[in-house]
Amino acid sequence: MSNQVQPILPLAPVERIIRKAGADRVAEDAGVELAKVLEEYGIEISREAITLAKHAKRTTVKEEDIRLAVARIKKSA
Protein backbone atom coordinates (compact mmCIF):
# COMPACT_ATOMS: atom_id res chain seq x y z
CA MET A 1 0.00 0.00 0.00
CA SER A 2 1.30 3.46 -0.85
CA ASN A 3 1.68 6.39 1.52
CA GLN A 4 -1.07 8.39 -0.20
CA VAL A 5 -3.81 9.92 1.91
CA GLN A 6 -7.20 8.34 1.28
CA PRO A 7 -10.05 10.75 0.53
CA ILE A 8 -12.93 11.28 2.97
CA LEU A 9 -15.53 10.03 0.48
CA PRO A 10 -16.15 6.28 0.52
CA LEU A 11 -14.95 4.55 -2.64
CA ALA A 12 -18.03 2.42 -3.32
CA PRO A 13 -20.37 5.38 -4.01
CA VAL A 14 -17.70 7.12 -6.07
CA GLU A 15 -17.20 4.00 -8.16
CA ARG A 16 -20.99 3.79 -8.62
CA ILE A 17 -20.91 7.33 -10.02
CA ILE A 18 -18.33 6.24 -12.61
CA ARG A 19 -20.42 3.18 -13.51
CA LYS A 20 -23.56 5.34 -13.72
CA ALA A 21 -21.67 7.43 -16.28
CA GLY A 22 -21.28 4.29 -18.39
CA ALA A 23 -18.17 2.40 -17.27
CA ASP A 24 -18.42 -1.39 -17.08
CA ARG A 25 -15.48 -1.72 -14.71
CA VAL A 26 -13.65 0.74 -12.49
CA ALA A 27 -10.06 0.43 -11.27
CA GLU A 28 -9.62 1.26 -7.58
CA ASP A 29 -7.14 4.02 -8.37
CA ALA A 30 -9.72 5.66 -10.65
CA GLY A 31 -12.23 5.72 -7.80
CA VAL A 32 -9.62 7.13 -5.42
CA GLU A 33 -8.66 9.86 -7.91
CA LEU A 34 -12.27 10.88 -8.56
CA ALA A 35 -12.93 10.93 -4.81
CA LYS A 36 -9.97 13.31 -4.36
CA VAL A 37 -11.22 15.60 -7.12
CA LEU A 38 -14.78 15.59 -5.75
CA GLU A 39 -13.47 16.33 -2.27
CA GLU A 40 -11.36 19.26 -3.51
CA TYR A 41 -14.31 20.65 -5.48
CA GLY A 42 -16.62 20.13 -2.50
CA ILE A 43 -14.25 22.07 -0.24
CA GLU A 44 -14.04 24.89 -2.79
CA ILE A 45 -17.84 25.08 -3.02
CA SER A 46 -18.17 24.89 0.77
CA ARG A 47 -15.73 27.75 1.33
CA GLU A 48 -17.61 29.95 -1.13
CA ALA A 49 -20.94 28.99 0.48
CA ILE A 50 -19.58 29.87 3.93
CA THR A 51 -18.52 33.27 2.61
CA LEU A 52 -22.03 33.82 1.23
CA ALA A 53 -23.66 32.78 4.52
CA LYS A 54 -21.39 35.11 6.49
CA HIS A 55 -22.22 37.95 4.07
CA ALA A 56 -25.90 37.29 4.84
CA LYS A 57 -24.99 37.47 8.56
CA ARG A 58 -25.76 33.77 9.10
CA THR A 59 -23.72 31.00 10.65
CA THR A 60 -25.80 28.30 8.95
CA VAL A 61 -24.94 27.35 5.37
CA LYS A 62 -28.17 26.84 3.43
CA GLU A 63 -29.02 25.11 0.18
CA GLU A 64 -29.24 28.49 -1.52
CA ASP A 65 -25.65 29.24 -0.46
CA ILE A 66 -24.44 26.00 -2.04
CA ARG A 67 -26.36 26.64 -5.26
CA LEU A 68 -25.11 30.21 -5.53
CA ALA A 69 -21.55 29.12 -4.70
CA VAL A 70 -21.63 26.55 -7.52
CA ALA A 71 -22.97 29.17 -9.94
CA ARG A 72 -20.27 31.68 -8.92
CA ILE A 73 -17.48 29.10 -9.24
CA LYS A 74 -18.74 27.99 -12.67
CA LYS A 75 -18.96 31.61 -13.80
CA SER A 76 -15.40 32.37 -12.73
CA ALA A 77 -13.99 29.24 -14.43
C-alpha atoms as a PDB file:
ATOM      1  CA  MET A   1       0.000   0.000   0.000  1.00  0.00           C
ATOM      2  CA  SER A   2       1.302   3.460  -0.855  1.00  0.00           C
ATOM      3  CA  ASN A   3       1.681   6.392   1.516  1.00  0.00           C
ATOM      4  CA  GLN A   4      -1.066   8.388  -0.203  1.00  0.00           C
ATOM      5  CA  VAL A   5      -3.809   9.921   1.914  1.00  0.00           C
ATOM      6  CA  GLN A   6      -7.197   8.341   1.280  1.00  0.00           C
ATOM      7  CA  PRO A   7     -10.053  10.749   0.534  1.00  0.00           C
ATOM      8  CA  ILE A   8     -12.930  11.279   2.967  1.00  0.00           C
ATOM      9  CA  LEU A   9     -15.529  10.030   0.480  1.00  0.00           C
ATOM     10  CA  PRO A  10     -16.154   6.276   0.523  1.00  0.00           C
ATOM     11  CA  LEU A  11     -14.946   4.554  -2.637  1.00  0.00           C
ATOM     12  CA  ALA A  12     -18.032   2.422  -3.319  1.00  0.00           C
ATOM     13  CA  PRO A  13     -20.372   5.376  -4.008  1.00  0.00           C
ATOM     14  CA  VAL A  14     -17.695   7.119  -6.069  1.00  0.00           C
ATOM     15  CA  GLU A  15     -17.202   4.000  -8.163  1.00  0.00           C
ATOM     16  CA  ARG A  16     -20.986   3.795  -8.619  1.00  0.00           C
ATOM     17  CA  ILE A  17     -20.910   7.335 -10.017  1.00  0.00           C
ATOM     18  CA  ILE A  18     -18.335   6.243 -12.610  1.00  0.00           C
ATOM     19  CA  ARG A  19     -20.424   3.183 -13.507  1.00  0.00           C
ATOM     20  CA  LYS A  20     -23.556   5.335 -13.723  1.00  0.00           C
ATOM     21  CA  ALA A  21     -21.672   7.433 -16.280  1.00  0.00           C
ATOM     22  CA  GLY A  22     -21.276   4.289 -18.391  1.00  0.00           C
ATOM     23  CA  ALA A  23     -18.167   2.403 -17.266  1.00  0.00           C
ATOM     24  CA  ASP A  24     -18.423  -1.388 -17.082  1.00  0.00           C
ATOM     25  CA  ARG A  25     -15.479  -1.725 -14.715  1.00  0.00           C
ATOM     26  CA  VAL A  26     -13.646   0.741 -12.489  1.00  0.00           C
ATOM     27  CA  ALA A  27     -10.060   0.434 -11.271  1.00  0.00           C
ATOM     28  CA  GLU A  28      -9.623   1.256  -7.585  1.00  0.00           C
ATOM     29  CA  ASP A  29      -7.139   4.019  -8.368  1.00  0.00           C
ATOM     30  CA  ALA A  30      -9.722   5.657 -10.652  1.00  0.00           C
ATOM     31  CA  GLY A  31     -12.227   5.720  -7.800  1.00  0.00           C
ATOM     32  CA  VAL A  32      -9.621   7.135  -5.425  1.00  0.00           C
ATOM     33  CA  GLU A  33      -8.658   9.855  -7.912  1.00  0.00           C
ATOM     34  CA  LEU A  34     -12.268  10.881  -8.565  1.00  0.00           C
ATOM     35  CA  ALA A  35     -12.929  10.934  -4.814  1.00  0.00           C
ATOM     36  CA  LYS A  36      -9.967  13.306  -4.360  1.00  0.00           C
ATOM     37  CA  VAL A  37     -11.225  15.601  -7.123  1.00  0.00           C
ATOM     38  CA  LEU A  38     -14.777  15.589  -5.746  1.00  0.00           C
ATOM     39  CA  GLU A  39     -13.469  16.327  -2.269  1.00  0.00           C
ATOM     40  CA  GLU A  40     -11.360  19.258  -3.512  1.00  0.00           C
ATOM     41  CA  TYR A  41     -14.312  20.654  -5.479  1.00  0.00           C
ATOM     42  CA  GLY A  42     -16.617  20.132  -2.497  1.00  0.00           C
ATOM     43  CA  ILE A  43     -14.255  22.072  -0.237  1.00  0.00           C
ATOM     44  CA  GLU A  44     -14.040  24.892  -2.793  1.00  0.00           C
ATOM     45  CA  ILE A  45     -17.843  25.085  -3.015  1.00  0.00           C
ATOM     46  CA  SER A  46     -18.174  24.893   0.773  1.00  0.00           C
ATOM     47  CA  ARG A  47     -15.729  27.752   1.328  1.00  0.00           C
ATOM     48  CA  GLU A  48     -17.606  29.953  -1.131  1.00  0.00           C
ATOM     49  CA  ALA A  49     -20.944  28.991   0.480  1.00  0.00           C
ATOM     50  CA  ILE A  50     -19.581  29.870   3.932  1.00  0.00           C
ATOM     51  CA  THR A  51     -18.522  33.269   2.608  1.00  0.00           C
ATOM     52  CA  LEU A  52     -22.030  33.815   1.230  1.00  0.00           C
ATOM     53  CA  ALA A  53     -23.663  32.775   4.516  1.00  0.00           C
ATOM     54  CA  LYS A  54     -21.389  35.110   6.486  1.00  0.00           C
ATOM     55  CA  HIS A  55     -22.217  37.946   4.071  1.00  0.00           C
ATOM     56  CA  ALA A  56     -25.902  37.288   4.837  1.00  0.00           C
ATOM     57  CA  LYS A  57     -24.994  37.467   8.561  1.00  0.00           C
ATOM     58  CA  ARG A  58     -25.764  33.773   9.097  1.00  0.00           C
ATOM     59  CA  THR A  59     -23.717  31.001  10.649  1.00  0.00           C
ATOM     60  CA  THR A  60     -25.797  28.302   8.947  1.00  0.00           C
ATOM     61  CA  VAL A  61     -24.941  27.347   5.370  1.00  0.00           C
ATOM     62  CA  LYS A  62     -28.172  26.843   3.434  1.00  0.00           C
ATOM     63  CA  GLU A  63     -29.024  25.107   0.183  1.00  0.00           C
ATOM     64  CA  GLU A  64     -29.241  28.487  -1.523  1.00  0.00           C
ATOM     65  CA  ASP A  65     -25.649  29.243  -0.459  1.00  0.00           C
ATOM     66  CA  ILE A  66     -24.438  26.000  -2.038  1.00  0.00           C
ATOM     67  CA  ARG A  67     -26.365  26.636  -5.261  1.00  0.00           C
ATOM     68  CA  LEU A  68     -25.105  30.214  -5.526  1.00  0.00           C
ATOM     69  CA  ALA A  69     -21.553  29.121  -4.703  1.00  0.00           C
ATOM     70  CA  VAL A  70     -21.630  26.550  -7.524  1.00  0.00           C
ATOM     71  CA  ALA A  71     -22.965  29.173  -9.944  1.00  0.00           C
ATOM     72  CA  ARG A  72     -20.267  31.675  -8.925  1.00  0.00           C
ATOM     73  CA  ILE A  73     -17.484  29.102  -9.243  1.00  0.00           C
ATOM     74  CA  LYS A  74     -18.735  27.995 -12.670  1.00  0.00           C
ATOM     75  CA  LYS A  75     -18.960  31.614 -13.803  1.00  0.00           C
ATOM     76  CA  SER A  76     -15.397  32.371 -12.728  1.00  0.00           C
ATOM     77  CA  ALA A  77     -13.991  29.243 -14.425  1.00  0.00           C
END
